[in-house]
Amino acid sequence: MVTVAGRNAVMTLFSSPTCFYSHRTRMVLAEKNISVEVVNVEGTDLPEDLVDLNPYHSVPTLVDRDLVLYDSRVIIEYLDERFPHPPLMPVDPVTRAQFRLALYRIEKDWYSLAEKIEAASDAKQASRVRKMLEESIVASSDVFGAKRYFLSDEFSLVDCSVAPILWRLNAYGIDLPPQAQPVLNYMNDVFSRPSFQESLTELEQEMRQ
């Protein structure tokens, strides 16, 4: 984990140890080797500071001196601009816009389905949504196979957003079929990155054991 002693950290991240929104934020922090104090938030027992700082009481919430951010996409783009090395978004405005559109689609197509799986109240509903997520990922196999990373030869914020969902597939009961081999290759590559391993909480590590 990227947790360090609070007195040495410039920033504080309120983070859920199992939430994929928090996970992608921790990935960016690890990729950029940013010193941060991570405060784990579990269940409904919220830290007083979080209640005071964030009107939505949501995670992740990033505190950087007087600045408080509480949307994961806003947080990861802020981190990329505040700590520009290594860059995780392209400089070219057209390509940058394409990457932002990819982030939007990942959230609309995959994050929304993952949320439904985790919130499903019955087995039939969960099975239907699992099938939808699996089919959507398999349908993207060509994109995964086109370059080393998603849409690029360089690791980016898009990868930081895709990887947490792929890491949770086993926990969701999803086994990708052989025709999704490009996705499986991508998973092996990204999951072996030191920054990805550093971003995992103990509970996230257990998701694939």
N, C-alpha and C. Protein backbone atom coordinates (compact mmCIF):
# COMPACT_ATOMS: atom_id res chain seq x y z
N MET A 1 0.83 -1.20 0.00
CA MET A 1 0.00 0.00 0.00
C MET A 1 0.87 1.25 0.00
N VAL A 2 0.27 2.38 -0.41
CA VAL A 2 1.01 3.63 -0.49
C VAL A 2 0.89 4.45 0.78
N THR A 3 0.40 3.85 1.85
CA THR A 3 0.25 4.58 3.11
C THR A 3 1.62 4.95 3.68
N VAL A 4 1.75 6.18 4.15
CA VAL A 4 2.95 6.59 4.86
C VAL A 4 2.52 7.32 6.12
N ALA A 5 3.46 7.58 7.00
CA ALA A 5 3.14 8.29 8.23
C ALA A 5 2.59 9.68 7.91
N GLY A 6 1.53 10.07 8.61
CA GLY A 6 0.85 11.32 8.31
C GLY A 6 1.76 12.53 8.36
N ARG A 7 2.70 12.57 9.29
CA ARG A 7 3.55 13.75 9.41
C ARG A 7 4.48 13.92 8.20
N ASN A 8 4.69 12.86 7.43
CA ASN A 8 5.56 12.94 6.26
C ASN A 8 4.76 13.17 4.97
N ALA A 9 3.46 13.08 5.05
CA ALA A 9 2.64 13.14 3.84
C ALA A 9 2.10 14.54 3.60
N VAL A 10 2.15 14.95 2.35
CA VAL A 10 1.58 16.24 1.97
C VAL A 10 0.06 16.11 1.89
N MET A 11 -0.43 14.96 1.46
CA MET A 11 -1.85 14.76 1.18
C MET A 11 -2.43 13.62 2.01
N THR A 12 -3.75 13.65 2.12
CA THR A 12 -4.48 12.56 2.77
C THR A 12 -5.54 12.04 1.79
N LEU A 13 -5.63 10.73 1.68
CA LEU A 13 -6.67 10.11 0.86
C LEU A 13 -7.56 9.26 1.75
N PHE A 14 -8.85 9.60 1.78
CA PHE A 14 -9.84 8.74 2.41
C PHE A 14 -10.28 7.74 1.35
N SER A 15 -10.08 6.46 1.65
CA SER A 15 -10.20 5.42 0.62
C SER A 15 -10.87 4.17 1.18
N SER A 16 -11.75 3.58 0.40
CA SER A 16 -12.30 2.28 0.76
C SER A 16 -11.33 1.19 0.32
N PRO A 17 -11.10 0.17 1.16
CA PRO A 17 -10.15 -0.89 0.78
C PRO A 17 -10.68 -1.84 -0.28
N THR A 18 -11.95 -1.71 -0.68
CA THR A 18 -12.50 -2.62 -1.70
C THR A 18 -13.16 -1.89 -2.87
N CYS A 19 -13.27 -0.58 -2.81
CA CYS A 19 -13.98 0.20 -3.84
C CYS A 19 -13.09 0.44 -5.06
N PHE A 20 -13.61 0.18 -6.26
CA PHE A 20 -12.77 0.34 -7.46
C PHE A 20 -12.50 1.81 -7.77
N TYR A 21 -13.37 2.71 -7.35
CA TYR A 21 -13.08 4.14 -7.52
C TYR A 21 -11.86 4.52 -6.67
N SER A 22 -11.81 4.02 -5.44
CA SER A 22 -10.64 4.27 -4.59
C SER A 22 -9.40 3.59 -5.15
N HIS A 23 -9.60 2.38 -5.69
CA HIS A 23 -8.47 1.61 -6.20
C HIS A 23 -7.79 2.36 -7.35
N ARG A 24 -8.57 2.91 -8.26
CA ARG A 24 -7.91 3.59 -9.39
C ARG A 24 -7.15 4.83 -8.90
N THR A 25 -7.65 5.47 -7.85
CA THR A 25 -6.93 6.61 -7.29
C THR A 25 -5.63 6.15 -6.66
N ARG A 26 -5.66 5.05 -5.93
CA ARG A 26 -4.44 4.51 -5.33
C ARG A 26 -3.44 4.08 -6.40
N MET A 27 -3.94 3.61 -7.53
CA MET A 27 -3.05 3.23 -8.63
C MET A 27 -2.27 4.43 -9.15
N VAL A 28 -2.96 5.55 -9.33
CA VAL A 28 -2.30 6.75 -9.82
C VAL A 28 -1.25 7.23 -8.81
N LEU A 29 -1.60 7.21 -7.54
CA LEU A 29 -0.66 7.61 -6.50
C LEU A 29 0.59 6.73 -6.52
N ALA A 30 0.39 5.42 -6.67
CA ALA A 30 1.51 4.49 -6.69
C ALA A 30 2.34 4.66 -7.97
N GLU A 31 1.67 4.85 -9.09
CA GLU A 31 2.37 5.01 -10.37
C GLU A 31 3.29 6.23 -10.34
N LYS A 32 2.86 7.28 -9.65
CA LYS A 32 3.64 8.51 -9.57
C LYS A 32 4.49 8.59 -8.31
N ASN A 33 4.41 7.56 -7.48
CA ASN A 33 5.22 7.50 -6.26
C ASN A 33 4.98 8.73 -5.38
N ILE A 34 3.71 9.05 -5.17
CA ILE A 34 3.33 10.22 -4.38
C ILE A 34 3.16 9.82 -2.91
N SER A 35 3.77 10.59 -2.02
CA SER A 35 3.61 10.35 -0.59
C SER A 35 2.22 10.80 -0.16
N VAL A 36 1.49 9.92 0.48
CA VAL A 36 0.12 10.23 0.89
C VAL A 36 -0.23 9.39 2.11
N GLU A 37 -1.01 9.96 2.99
CA GLU A 37 -1.54 9.19 4.10
C GLU A 37 -2.89 8.64 3.68
N VAL A 38 -3.03 7.33 3.66
CA VAL A 38 -4.29 6.70 3.28
C VAL A 38 -5.08 6.36 4.54
N VAL A 39 -6.29 6.87 4.61
CA VAL A 39 -7.20 6.57 5.72
C VAL A 39 -8.26 5.61 5.19
N ASN A 40 -8.24 4.37 5.67
CA ASN A 40 -9.22 3.38 5.22
C ASN A 40 -10.59 3.67 5.81
N VAL A 41 -11.59 3.68 4.94
CA VAL A 41 -12.97 3.95 5.36
C VAL A 41 -13.79 2.72 5.02
N GLU A 42 -14.35 2.09 6.03
CA GLU A 42 -15.15 0.89 5.82
C GLU A 42 -16.51 1.04 6.48
N GLY A 43 -17.54 0.59 5.76
CA GLY A 43 -18.88 0.60 6.33
C GLY A 43 -19.42 2.01 6.53
N THR A 44 -20.30 2.17 7.51
CA THR A 44 -20.98 3.46 7.73
C THR A 44 -20.32 4.28 8.84
N ASP A 45 -19.29 3.72 9.46
CA ASP A 45 -18.59 4.44 10.54
C ASP A 45 -17.55 5.35 9.91
N LEU A 46 -17.95 6.57 9.56
CA LEU A 46 -17.08 7.47 8.81
C LEU A 46 -16.22 8.32 9.74
N PRO A 47 -14.97 8.56 9.34
CA PRO A 47 -14.13 9.47 10.12
C PRO A 47 -14.76 10.86 10.19
N GLU A 48 -14.60 11.51 11.33
CA GLU A 48 -15.18 12.85 11.51
C GLU A 48 -14.66 13.82 10.46
N ASP A 49 -13.36 13.71 10.14
CA ASP A 49 -12.77 14.62 9.16
C ASP A 49 -13.46 14.49 7.81
N LEU A 50 -13.76 13.26 7.40
CA LEU A 50 -14.41 13.04 6.11
C LEU A 50 -15.81 13.66 6.10
N VAL A 51 -16.54 13.50 7.18
CA VAL A 51 -17.89 14.07 7.29
C VAL A 51 -17.83 15.59 7.17
N ASP A 52 -16.82 16.19 7.80
CA ASP A 52 -16.68 17.64 7.77
C ASP A 52 -16.23 18.16 6.41
N LEU A 53 -15.37 17.39 5.73
CA LEU A 53 -14.74 17.88 4.50
C LEU A 53 -15.57 17.66 3.25
N ASN A 54 -16.32 16.57 3.21
CA ASN A 54 -17.01 16.16 1.98
C ASN A 54 -18.51 16.10 2.24
N PRO A 55 -19.29 16.98 1.60
CA PRO A 55 -20.74 17.01 1.84
C PRO A 55 -21.44 15.72 1.42
N TYR A 56 -20.80 14.93 0.56
CA TYR A 56 -21.40 13.67 0.10
C TYR A 56 -20.93 12.47 0.93
N HIS A 57 -19.93 12.70 1.81
CA HIS A 57 -19.40 11.64 2.68
C HIS A 57 -18.94 10.42 1.87
N SER A 58 -18.40 10.67 0.69
CA SER A 58 -18.04 9.59 -0.24
C SER A 58 -16.54 9.38 -0.29
N VAL A 59 -16.16 8.22 -0.79
CA VAL A 59 -14.75 7.92 -1.04
C VAL A 59 -14.60 7.54 -2.52
N PRO A 60 -13.43 7.85 -3.08
CA PRO A 60 -12.28 8.48 -2.45
C PRO A 60 -12.48 9.99 -2.26
N THR A 61 -11.83 10.51 -1.24
CA THR A 61 -11.75 11.96 -1.01
C THR A 61 -10.28 12.29 -0.80
N LEU A 62 -9.79 13.24 -1.56
CA LEU A 62 -8.39 13.65 -1.47
C LEU A 62 -8.30 15.03 -0.83
N VAL A 63 -7.41 15.16 0.15
CA VAL A 63 -7.17 16.45 0.80
C VAL A 63 -5.71 16.84 0.53
N ASP A 64 -5.54 17.95 -0.16
CA ASP A 64 -4.21 18.47 -0.46
C ASP A 64 -4.15 19.89 0.07
N ARG A 65 -3.63 20.03 1.28
CA ARG A 65 -3.64 21.32 1.99
C ARG A 65 -5.08 21.82 2.11
N ASP A 66 -5.40 22.96 1.47
CA ASP A 66 -6.75 23.53 1.60
C ASP A 66 -7.71 23.01 0.53
N LEU A 67 -7.20 22.19 -0.36
CA LEU A 67 -8.03 21.67 -1.46
C LEU A 67 -8.63 20.33 -1.08
N VAL A 68 -9.95 20.19 -1.29
CA VAL A 68 -10.64 18.93 -1.03
C VAL A 68 -11.33 18.49 -2.32
N LEU A 69 -11.01 17.28 -2.79
CA LEU A 69 -11.60 16.74 -4.02
C LEU A 69 -12.30 15.44 -3.69
N TYR A 70 -13.51 15.25 -4.26
CA TYR A 70 -14.25 14.03 -3.92
C TYR A 70 -14.99 13.41 -5.09
N ASP A 71 -14.38 13.48 -6.25
CA ASP A 71 -14.82 12.69 -7.41
C ASP A 71 -13.56 12.01 -7.95
N SER A 72 -13.61 10.69 -8.13
CA SER A 72 -12.37 9.98 -8.45
C SER A 72 -11.75 10.43 -9.77
N ARG A 73 -12.58 10.76 -10.76
CA ARG A 73 -11.98 11.20 -12.04
C ARG A 73 -11.34 12.58 -11.89
N VAL A 74 -11.99 13.46 -11.15
CA VAL A 74 -11.39 14.77 -10.88
C VAL A 74 -10.07 14.58 -10.13
N ILE A 75 -10.07 13.65 -9.17
CA ILE A 75 -8.86 13.41 -8.36
C ILE A 75 -7.70 12.91 -9.23
N ILE A 76 -7.96 11.91 -10.07
CA ILE A 76 -6.85 11.33 -10.83
C ILE A 76 -6.31 12.30 -11.88
N GLU A 77 -7.19 13.13 -12.47
CA GLU A 77 -6.70 14.12 -13.43
C GLU A 77 -5.92 15.22 -12.71
N TYR A 78 -6.37 15.58 -11.53
CA TYR A 78 -5.65 16.57 -10.73
C TYR A 78 -4.25 16.05 -10.38
N LEU A 79 -4.18 14.80 -9.93
CA LEU A 79 -2.88 14.22 -9.57
C LEU A 79 -1.94 14.19 -10.77
N ASP A 80 -2.49 13.89 -11.94
CA ASP A 80 -1.64 13.83 -13.13
C ASP A 80 -1.09 15.21 -13.49
N GLU A 81 -1.88 16.24 -13.26
CA GLU A 81 -1.42 17.60 -13.57
C GLU A 81 -0.54 18.16 -12.45
N ARG A 82 -0.85 17.82 -11.22
CA ARG A 82 -0.07 18.32 -10.07
C ARG A 82 1.30 17.66 -10.01
N PHE A 83 1.38 16.40 -10.40
CA PHE A 83 2.65 15.65 -10.41
C PHE A 83 2.85 15.12 -11.84
N PRO A 84 3.44 15.93 -12.72
CA PRO A 84 3.44 15.62 -14.15
C PRO A 84 4.33 14.46 -14.60
N HIS A 85 5.15 13.91 -13.72
CA HIS A 85 6.06 12.82 -14.12
C HIS A 85 5.81 11.58 -13.27
N PRO A 86 5.60 10.41 -13.90
CA PRO A 86 5.45 10.25 -15.34
C PRO A 86 4.06 10.71 -15.80
N PRO A 87 3.95 11.27 -16.99
CA PRO A 87 2.64 11.72 -17.48
C PRO A 87 1.72 10.52 -17.75
N LEU A 88 0.47 10.65 -17.35
CA LEU A 88 -0.50 9.57 -17.57
C LEU A 88 -1.62 9.98 -18.52
N MET A 89 -1.46 11.15 -19.14
CA MET A 89 -2.38 11.59 -20.20
C MET A 89 -1.56 12.21 -21.31
N PRO A 90 -1.99 12.02 -22.56
CA PRO A 90 -1.23 12.60 -23.69
C PRO A 90 -1.31 14.12 -23.69
N VAL A 91 -0.30 14.75 -24.27
CA VAL A 91 -0.25 16.21 -24.35
C VAL A 91 -1.14 16.72 -25.47
N ASP A 92 -1.18 16.00 -26.58
CA ASP A 92 -1.97 16.41 -27.74
C ASP A 92 -3.44 16.53 -27.37
N PRO A 93 -4.10 17.67 -27.62
CA PRO A 93 -5.48 17.88 -27.19
C PRO A 93 -6.48 16.91 -27.81
N VAL A 94 -6.24 16.50 -29.05
CA VAL A 94 -7.17 15.56 -29.69
C VAL A 94 -7.09 14.19 -29.02
N THR A 95 -5.86 13.68 -28.86
CA THR A 95 -5.68 12.38 -28.19
C THR A 95 -6.14 12.44 -26.75
N ARG A 96 -5.88 13.57 -26.10
CA ARG A 96 -6.32 13.75 -24.71
C ARG A 96 -7.84 13.65 -24.61
N ALA A 97 -8.53 14.29 -25.56
CA ALA A 97 -10.00 14.23 -25.58
C ALA A 97 -10.48 12.79 -25.81
N GLN A 98 -9.78 12.04 -26.67
CA GLN A 98 -10.13 10.64 -26.91
C GLN A 98 -9.97 9.81 -25.65
N PHE A 99 -8.91 10.08 -24.89
CA PHE A 99 -8.69 9.36 -23.63
C PHE A 99 -9.77 9.70 -22.62
N ARG A 100 -10.16 10.98 -22.57
CA ARG A 100 -11.23 11.39 -21.65
C ARG A 100 -12.55 10.74 -22.03
N LEU A 101 -12.79 10.60 -23.32
CA LEU A 101 -14.00 9.91 -23.77
C LEU A 101 -13.94 8.44 -23.37
N ALA A 102 -12.77 7.83 -23.47
CA ALA A 102 -12.60 6.44 -23.03
C ALA A 102 -12.88 6.30 -21.54
N LEU A 103 -12.40 7.25 -20.74
CA LEU A 103 -12.69 7.23 -19.30
C LEU A 103 -14.19 7.33 -19.04
N TYR A 104 -14.84 8.19 -19.79
CA TYR A 104 -16.30 8.34 -19.66
C TYR A 104 -17.02 7.04 -19.98
N ARG A 105 -16.59 6.40 -21.07
CA ARG A 105 -17.26 5.15 -21.48
C ARG A 105 -16.99 4.01 -20.50
N ILE A 106 -15.78 3.95 -19.96
CA ILE A 106 -15.47 2.92 -18.96
C ILE A 106 -16.39 3.07 -17.76
N GLU A 107 -16.59 4.31 -17.33
CA GLU A 107 -17.47 4.55 -16.18
C GLU A 107 -18.92 4.21 -16.52
N LYS A 108 -19.38 4.63 -17.70
CA LYS A 108 -20.78 4.38 -18.08
C LYS A 108 -21.04 2.90 -18.35
N ASP A 109 -20.08 2.22 -19.02
CA ASP A 109 -20.32 0.84 -19.46
C ASP A 109 -19.89 -0.20 -18.44
N TRP A 110 -18.75 0.01 -17.78
CA TRP A 110 -18.19 -1.03 -16.90
C TRP A 110 -18.37 -0.71 -15.42
N TYR A 111 -18.08 0.52 -15.03
CA TYR A 111 -18.25 0.86 -13.62
C TYR A 111 -19.71 0.75 -13.20
N SER A 112 -20.60 1.19 -14.06
CA SER A 112 -22.03 1.13 -13.70
C SER A 112 -22.49 -0.32 -13.53
N LEU A 113 -22.00 -1.23 -14.39
CA LEU A 113 -22.36 -2.64 -14.27
C LEU A 113 -21.73 -3.27 -13.03
N ALA A 114 -20.48 -2.89 -12.74
CA ALA A 114 -19.83 -3.41 -11.53
C ALA A 114 -20.58 -2.97 -10.28
N GLU A 115 -21.06 -1.73 -10.28
CA GLU A 115 -21.85 -1.24 -9.14
C GLU A 115 -23.12 -2.08 -8.98
N LYS A 116 -23.76 -2.40 -10.11
CA LYS A 116 -25.00 -3.19 -10.06
C LYS A 116 -24.73 -4.61 -9.56
N ILE A 117 -23.60 -5.20 -9.97
CA ILE A 117 -23.25 -6.54 -9.49
C ILE A 117 -23.09 -6.51 -7.97
N GLU A 118 -22.37 -5.51 -7.47
CA GLU A 118 -22.10 -5.44 -6.05
C GLU A 118 -23.37 -5.13 -5.24
N ALA A 119 -24.34 -4.47 -5.89
CA ALA A 119 -25.57 -4.08 -5.19
C ALA A 119 -26.73 -5.05 -5.45
N ALA A 120 -26.50 -6.05 -6.30
CA ALA A 120 -27.60 -6.95 -6.70
C ALA A 120 -28.26 -7.61 -5.49
N SER A 121 -29.58 -7.62 -5.49
CA SER A 121 -30.33 -8.16 -4.34
C SER A 121 -30.72 -9.62 -4.53
N ASP A 122 -30.61 -10.13 -5.75
CA ASP A 122 -30.93 -11.55 -5.96
C ASP A 122 -30.00 -12.14 -7.02
N ALA A 123 -29.88 -13.46 -6.99
CA ALA A 123 -28.93 -14.18 -7.85
C ALA A 123 -29.24 -13.99 -9.33
N LYS A 124 -30.51 -13.96 -9.69
CA LYS A 124 -30.89 -13.83 -11.09
C LYS A 124 -30.46 -12.48 -11.65
N GLN A 125 -30.70 -11.45 -10.87
CA GLN A 125 -30.30 -10.11 -11.30
C GLN A 125 -28.78 -10.02 -11.43
N ALA A 126 -28.05 -10.56 -10.45
CA ALA A 126 -26.59 -10.53 -10.48
C ALA A 126 -26.05 -11.27 -11.69
N SER A 127 -26.64 -12.43 -12.00
CA SER A 127 -26.20 -13.24 -13.14
C SER A 127 -26.38 -12.48 -14.45
N ARG A 128 -27.50 -11.79 -14.58
CA ARG A 128 -27.78 -11.04 -15.80
C ARG A 128 -26.77 -9.91 -15.99
N VAL A 129 -26.47 -9.20 -14.92
CA VAL A 129 -25.54 -8.08 -15.02
C VAL A 129 -24.11 -8.58 -15.24
N ARG A 130 -23.75 -9.69 -14.58
CA ARG A 130 -22.42 -10.30 -14.82
C ARG A 130 -22.24 -10.63 -16.29
N LYS A 131 -23.28 -11.20 -16.90
CA LYS A 131 -23.22 -11.56 -18.32
C LYS A 131 -23.00 -10.32 -19.18
N MET A 132 -23.68 -9.23 -18.84
CA MET A 132 -23.54 -7.98 -19.59
C MET A 132 -22.11 -7.44 -19.50
N LEU A 133 -21.53 -7.48 -18.30
CA LEU A 133 -20.16 -6.99 -18.13
C LEU A 133 -19.17 -7.87 -18.88
N GLU A 134 -19.35 -9.19 -18.78
CA GLU A 134 -18.46 -10.11 -19.48
C GLU A 134 -18.52 -9.87 -20.99
N GLU A 135 -19.72 -9.76 -21.53
CA GLU A 135 -19.88 -9.57 -22.98
C GLU A 135 -19.25 -8.25 -23.43
N SER A 136 -19.40 -7.21 -22.63
CA SER A 136 -18.85 -5.90 -22.99
C SER A 136 -17.32 -5.94 -23.01
N ILE A 137 -16.72 -6.63 -22.03
CA ILE A 137 -15.26 -6.73 -21.99
C ILE A 137 -14.74 -7.59 -23.14
N VAL A 138 -15.40 -8.72 -23.39
CA VAL A 138 -15.00 -9.60 -24.50
C VAL A 138 -15.10 -8.86 -25.83
N ALA A 139 -16.14 -8.04 -25.98
CA ALA A 139 -16.33 -7.28 -27.22
C ALA A 139 -15.21 -6.26 -27.44
N SER A 140 -14.48 -5.93 -26.39
CA SER A 140 -13.38 -4.97 -26.49
C SER A 140 -12.03 -5.63 -26.69
N SER A 141 -12.02 -6.94 -26.93
CA SER A 141 -10.75 -7.67 -27.05
C SER A 141 -9.83 -7.09 -28.10
N ASP A 142 -10.38 -6.66 -29.22
CA ASP A 142 -9.54 -6.09 -30.28
C ASP A 142 -8.82 -4.82 -29.82
N VAL A 143 -9.50 -4.03 -29.00
CA VAL A 143 -8.89 -2.81 -28.48
C VAL A 143 -7.73 -3.18 -27.55
N PHE A 144 -7.95 -4.19 -26.71
CA PHE A 144 -6.89 -4.63 -25.80
C PHE A 144 -5.70 -5.19 -26.57
N GLY A 145 -5.94 -5.80 -27.71
CA GLY A 145 -4.87 -6.41 -28.47
C GLY A 145 -4.15 -5.48 -29.41
N ALA A 146 -4.70 -4.30 -29.65
CA ALA A 146 -4.14 -3.40 -30.66
C ALA A 146 -2.82 -2.77 -30.22
N LYS A 147 -2.70 -2.45 -28.94
CA LYS A 147 -1.49 -1.83 -28.41
C LYS A 147 -1.14 -2.49 -27.08
N ARG A 148 0.01 -2.15 -26.52
CA ARG A 148 0.41 -2.78 -25.26
C ARG A 148 -0.59 -2.45 -24.15
N TYR A 149 -1.01 -1.18 -24.10
CA TYR A 149 -1.98 -0.75 -23.09
C TYR A 149 -3.27 -0.34 -23.78
N PHE A 150 -4.24 0.08 -23.01
CA PHE A 150 -5.55 0.39 -23.58
C PHE A 150 -5.46 1.69 -24.37
N LEU A 151 -5.56 1.59 -25.69
CA LEU A 151 -5.52 2.72 -26.64
C LEU A 151 -4.13 3.32 -26.83
N SER A 152 -3.10 2.76 -26.19
CA SER A 152 -1.80 3.43 -26.22
C SER A 152 -0.66 2.45 -25.95
N ASP A 153 0.54 2.85 -26.37
CA ASP A 153 1.73 2.09 -26.01
C ASP A 153 2.29 2.55 -24.67
N GLU A 154 1.71 3.61 -24.10
CA GLU A 154 2.14 4.14 -22.81
C GLU A 154 1.02 3.94 -21.78
N PHE A 155 1.42 3.59 -20.56
CA PHE A 155 0.47 3.41 -19.47
C PHE A 155 -0.19 4.75 -19.16
N SER A 156 -1.52 4.72 -18.91
CA SER A 156 -2.25 5.98 -18.76
C SER A 156 -3.32 5.89 -17.68
N LEU A 157 -4.02 7.00 -17.49
CA LEU A 157 -5.16 7.03 -16.56
C LEU A 157 -6.25 6.06 -16.98
N VAL A 158 -6.32 5.79 -18.27
CA VAL A 158 -7.32 4.81 -18.75
C VAL A 158 -7.00 3.43 -18.18
N ASP A 159 -5.75 3.05 -18.19
CA ASP A 159 -5.34 1.76 -17.62
C ASP A 159 -5.59 1.73 -16.11
N CYS A 160 -5.33 2.85 -15.46
CA CYS A 160 -5.59 2.92 -14.02
C CYS A 160 -7.08 2.75 -13.71
N SER A 161 -7.92 3.02 -14.69
CA SER A 161 -9.36 2.89 -14.51
C SER A 161 -9.88 1.51 -14.93
N VAL A 162 -9.26 0.93 -15.95
CA VAL A 162 -9.67 -0.39 -16.44
C VAL A 162 -9.23 -1.50 -15.48
N ALA A 163 -7.99 -1.42 -15.01
CA ALA A 163 -7.40 -2.51 -14.23
C ALA A 163 -8.18 -2.89 -12.97
N PRO A 164 -8.71 -1.93 -12.19
CA PRO A 164 -9.47 -2.33 -11.00
C PRO A 164 -10.70 -3.18 -11.30
N ILE A 165 -11.34 -2.93 -12.43
CA ILE A 165 -12.50 -3.75 -12.80
C ILE A 165 -12.05 -5.15 -13.19
N LEU A 166 -11.00 -5.24 -14.00
CA LEU A 166 -10.50 -6.55 -14.43
C LEU A 166 -10.00 -7.36 -13.23
N TRP A 167 -9.40 -6.70 -12.26
CA TRP A 167 -8.91 -7.39 -11.06
C TRP A 167 -10.07 -8.04 -10.30
N ARG A 168 -11.25 -7.46 -10.37
CA ARG A 168 -12.41 -7.94 -9.62
C ARG A 168 -13.25 -8.98 -10.35
N LEU A 169 -12.87 -9.35 -11.57
CA LEU A 169 -13.70 -10.28 -12.34
C LEU A 169 -13.90 -11.60 -11.61
N ASN A 170 -12.84 -12.16 -11.04
CA ASN A 170 -12.98 -13.42 -10.30
C ASN A 170 -13.96 -13.27 -9.15
N ALA A 171 -13.84 -12.17 -8.42
CA ALA A 171 -14.72 -11.93 -7.28
C ALA A 171 -16.17 -11.78 -7.74
N TYR A 172 -16.36 -11.29 -8.97
CA TYR A 172 -17.71 -11.15 -9.52
C TYR A 172 -18.24 -12.45 -10.12
N GLY A 173 -17.40 -13.48 -10.16
CA GLY A 173 -17.82 -14.75 -10.76
C GLY A 173 -17.74 -14.76 -12.26
N ILE A 174 -16.85 -13.94 -12.83
CA ILE A 174 -16.70 -13.85 -14.28
C ILE A 174 -15.40 -14.51 -14.70
N ASP A 175 -15.50 -15.51 -15.59
CA ASP A 175 -14.33 -16.16 -16.20
C ASP A 175 -14.32 -15.80 -17.69
N LEU A 176 -13.31 -15.11 -18.12
CA LEU A 176 -13.28 -14.71 -19.53
C LEU A 176 -12.99 -15.91 -20.42
N PRO A 177 -13.66 -16.01 -21.56
CA PRO A 177 -13.48 -17.15 -22.48
C PRO A 177 -12.18 -17.03 -23.26
N PRO A 178 -11.77 -18.11 -23.97
CA PRO A 178 -10.50 -18.09 -24.73
C PRO A 178 -10.41 -16.96 -25.75
N GLN A 179 -11.55 -16.57 -26.33
CA GLN A 179 -11.48 -15.51 -27.35
C GLN A 179 -11.11 -14.14 -26.76
N ALA A 180 -11.07 -14.06 -25.44
CA ALA A 180 -10.66 -12.81 -24.78
C ALA A 180 -9.18 -12.85 -24.40
N GLN A 181 -8.39 -13.65 -25.11
CA GLN A 181 -6.97 -13.78 -24.78
C GLN A 181 -6.23 -12.44 -24.74
N PRO A 182 -6.51 -11.51 -25.65
CA PRO A 182 -5.84 -10.20 -25.55
C PRO A 182 -6.11 -9.50 -24.22
N VAL A 183 -7.31 -9.69 -23.69
CA VAL A 183 -7.64 -9.09 -22.39
C VAL A 183 -6.83 -9.77 -21.29
N LEU A 184 -6.75 -11.10 -21.36
CA LEU A 184 -5.99 -11.87 -20.36
C LEU A 184 -4.51 -11.50 -20.40
N ASN A 185 -3.98 -11.32 -21.61
CA ASN A 185 -2.57 -10.89 -21.74
C ASN A 185 -2.36 -9.52 -21.11
N TYR A 186 -3.30 -8.63 -21.38
CA TYR A 186 -3.25 -7.28 -20.81
C TYR A 186 -3.28 -7.35 -19.28
N MET A 187 -4.16 -8.18 -18.74
CA MET A 187 -4.27 -8.33 -17.30
C MET A 187 -2.96 -8.79 -16.69
N ASN A 188 -2.34 -9.80 -17.30
CA ASN A 188 -1.06 -10.30 -16.79
C ASN A 188 0.01 -9.21 -16.77
N ASP A 189 0.02 -8.40 -17.83
CA ASP A 189 1.01 -7.34 -17.95
C ASP A 189 0.79 -6.26 -16.89
N VAL A 190 -0.44 -5.78 -16.79
CA VAL A 190 -0.73 -4.67 -15.86
C VAL A 190 -0.65 -5.12 -14.41
N PHE A 191 -1.17 -6.31 -14.12
CA PHE A 191 -1.17 -6.78 -12.73
C PHE A 191 0.25 -7.02 -12.20
N SER A 192 1.20 -7.23 -13.10
CA SER A 192 2.58 -7.48 -12.66
C SER A 192 3.36 -6.19 -12.43
N ARG A 193 2.78 -5.05 -12.77
CA ARG A 193 3.47 -3.77 -12.55
C ARG A 193 3.65 -3.55 -11.04
N PRO A 194 4.85 -3.14 -10.62
CA PRO A 194 5.06 -2.87 -9.19
C PRO A 194 4.07 -1.87 -8.62
N SER A 195 3.71 -0.87 -9.42
CA SER A 195 2.77 0.15 -8.94
C SER A 195 1.38 -0.45 -8.70
N PHE A 196 0.99 -1.40 -9.55
CA PHE A 196 -0.31 -2.03 -9.35
C PHE A 196 -0.29 -2.85 -8.06
N GLN A 197 0.76 -3.64 -7.88
CA GLN A 197 0.86 -4.44 -6.66
C GLN A 197 0.88 -3.56 -5.42
N GLU A 198 1.55 -2.42 -5.52
CA GLU A 198 1.62 -1.49 -4.39
C GLU A 198 0.26 -0.87 -4.08
N SER A 199 -0.57 -0.73 -5.10
CA SER A 199 -1.87 -0.08 -4.92
C SER A 199 -2.89 -0.95 -4.20
N LEU A 200 -2.63 -2.26 -4.14
CA LEU A 200 -3.62 -3.20 -3.60
C LEU A 200 -3.68 -3.15 -2.07
N THR A 201 -4.90 -3.16 -1.55
CA THR A 201 -5.09 -3.37 -0.12
C THR A 201 -5.09 -4.87 0.16
N GLU A 202 -5.04 -5.25 1.43
CA GLU A 202 -5.08 -6.67 1.78
C GLU A 202 -6.38 -7.31 1.29
N LEU A 203 -7.49 -6.60 1.43
CA LEU A 203 -8.78 -7.15 0.99
C LEU A 203 -8.82 -7.32 -0.53
N GLU A 204 -8.19 -6.41 -1.26
CA GLU A 204 -8.14 -6.54 -2.72
C GLU A 204 -7.23 -7.70 -3.13
N GLN A 205 -6.15 -7.89 -2.40
CA GLN A 205 -5.27 -9.04 -2.71
C GLN A 205 -6.04 -10.33 -2.58
N GLU A 206 -6.92 -10.42 -1.60
CA GLU A 206 -7.69 -11.65 -1.36
C GLU A 206 -8.72 -11.92 -2.46
N MET A 207 -9.04 -10.91 -3.27
CA MET A 207 -10.05 -11.10 -4.32
C MET A 207 -9.62 -12.11 -5.37
N ARG A 208 -8.31 -12.33 -5.52
CA ARG A 208 -7.84 -13.25 -6.56
C ARG A 208 -7.06 -14.40 -5.98
N GLN A 209 -7.26 -14.67 -4.71
CA GLN A 209 -6.58 -15.82 -4.08
C GLN A 209 -7.47 -17.05 -4.12
